[in-house]
Amino acid sequence: MNKKQEWSLQILLAAGAAVSLFLFLTNAIPLIQWGWIGEMAKKSRYVRPMQISVAIFFTILLAVNLWAPALYARLYPVRALRRLMRLRLRYLLAGMGIAYALTFIAVGFARHEALETRAFDLGIFAQAVWNTLQGDFLHCSLKNDICLLGDHFSPLVAALAPLYALWQDPRMLLIVQACAGAACIVPIAWVAREQLKERGWILAFAVAFCLFWPAKSVLHEDFHPEVLVEPLLLLAFILLEKKRLGWFLACLLAAVSAKENIWGIAFMFGVYAFVWKRLRGLGAGLMAVSAGMFLVSVNVLIPFFGDGSYLYRGSYAGLLQNPAGGIVRSLVNPESLHYISKLFGPLLFTSFFHPPTLVLTFPVLFQNLLSLNPAMRSTNYHYTAGLTPFLFVSSVYGLKALLSRKILPGRTGTWVILVFLAVGVLNSGASEYFYIWKSRKHMTPHSRAVIEKLRAVAPGASVLTHNNFVPQLVNRKRIYQFEYIPSPTKAEQARNLGVDFVIFDAAFWEPGTAPVETAANELIKYGYALEYTQDGFSIYRKAGNIR
């Protein structure tokens, strides 16, 4: 290749890198904001240009790397990346973690200001933490006025009270959750360093976590305590590998306080320790204690604190009638296979090449595959929490197995890293810029006025309102959300609950329920007076009650 051809290729790839990076970070939203192009409706249409540009760019880069390695080393994007990679690893990982946390804090705050956070689940946990600060341990009116331990056994939630005391706002939980997600980067990089040694793979796995859609989508979905213990689960694995057994058990004990299903992960840690680490006593004891504590949690503790039953048992009712047939049907069907591909595909299915660590994914994976609830087989919700750490651990070990068997080239395999990162980018979904932009579009003068009115409601008053309004009002002992069913009506709910305020907005009206006018007339009939109304937003106060 002569100088002119090389110069042309340099310009082409530099421009391609700039365009791909722009589309990856923004999904071309600035072009819409500047009025250069129109909106593209579906989310997939915003993702597609990024995927096309990235696929083309990485294909060209890969081709140059394979057939002209000397030229590849001279390419401007490659040289810039190598300069960046020469920074100390600790600074790169710290920078990734800070950027990751700040990004998802910004997304969470934007959703909250756009009235997109909800009672389920930010409102539930924020109210329980706030009530704990008032001396009413994990009380939650949104869950039928029970201690929240009667829904899921999550005592970890109470431990958030000191942090919530610093800033009594539900967004504090979003901050904590985003920081917990970011805290996974360092232990994942540590596992990659211990097993793969190469700096390129250490950074590749750290970047892959930042790109991983299931991990990102969890942080789009309000708040869930099991997300907080993902870094603890990673740390527990590392401590077990180093045979620091006391600290391993301490981390695991903290982790199981997040939710009763984490006992399944603890059980599988016992299997791993017993079979593959040859720690027979530890493994057998851990399996026995974990199985016992899970049964105690769902059959004794949760019913004791709740209404006498375990609600989520119903998600597996079909399996109890025909276990063998139900399990086969749940595992061998297109929906389940698609779910598995969405989880393991972004990491090139490398997890499957190391069964000992792959089994650590099984508790949450099979929990989701066997459930009657199809949402549990979506990567858009929090149901992958507890699974993601072990996807990355098993991927690292699986990749090591492939490299050690010479199935893939070792130190000369830069192209493998390129493919690994390209697949991660292509499966990363819409950018966070996209989500912030979508939320900001919902920040209208009307929504701002609504938030102002909601935050002015008397702190001691009980309130019945929409799902999306609950997080704005949640620091109170009694708050309830409207049902999504025709009966009882909103007014009947208000009468039955005896709330001080009923607040609604036509824009958030629950589908299938009586119209606004009917609800307003019924409220007046039951002794509520209209205190404020504007643009479809109304506040009704019970006559003679707190202002």
Foldseek 3Di string as FASTA:
>chain_A
DDPVVLVVVLVVLVVLVVVLVCLLFALCVVCCVVVNDHDDPDQVNSLVVNLVSLVVNLVVLLVCCVPPVVSSCVRPVNVVVVVVLVPDPVVVLVVLLVVQLVLLLLLVVLCLLLLNAFVVPLLQLLLLLLVVVVVNHCFGVQQVRFRCLLAWQASVSNVCNVQCVVPSASSSQLSLLSSLLSLLLVLLLVLLCVQQVDSLSSVLLSVLSSLQALSVLASNHRHAQLSNLLSLQSVLVVCVVVVVVVSSVVSLVSNCSRGLLSLVLQLLVLVLCVPPVVPPVSSVVSNVVSVVSSCCSQQPRNCVRHVNHHVQVVQQVVCVVPVVVLLCVLCPDPLLVVLVCSLQVLLPVLLVQDVSLVVSLPSLSSVLSSTNDVVLSDSNHNSCRSNVSSSSSSSSVSVSSCCVVVVDPGPSPPSVSSVSNSSSSSSSRHHSSVSSVVSVVSNDPVSNVVLVVLLPPDLAFAEEEARSSSSSNSSYNHYYYDDLEAPPAPLVVCLVVVTFKYKYFQVRDRPHYDDPVVSVVSNVVSQWDWDDDDNRITMTGHPPDDD
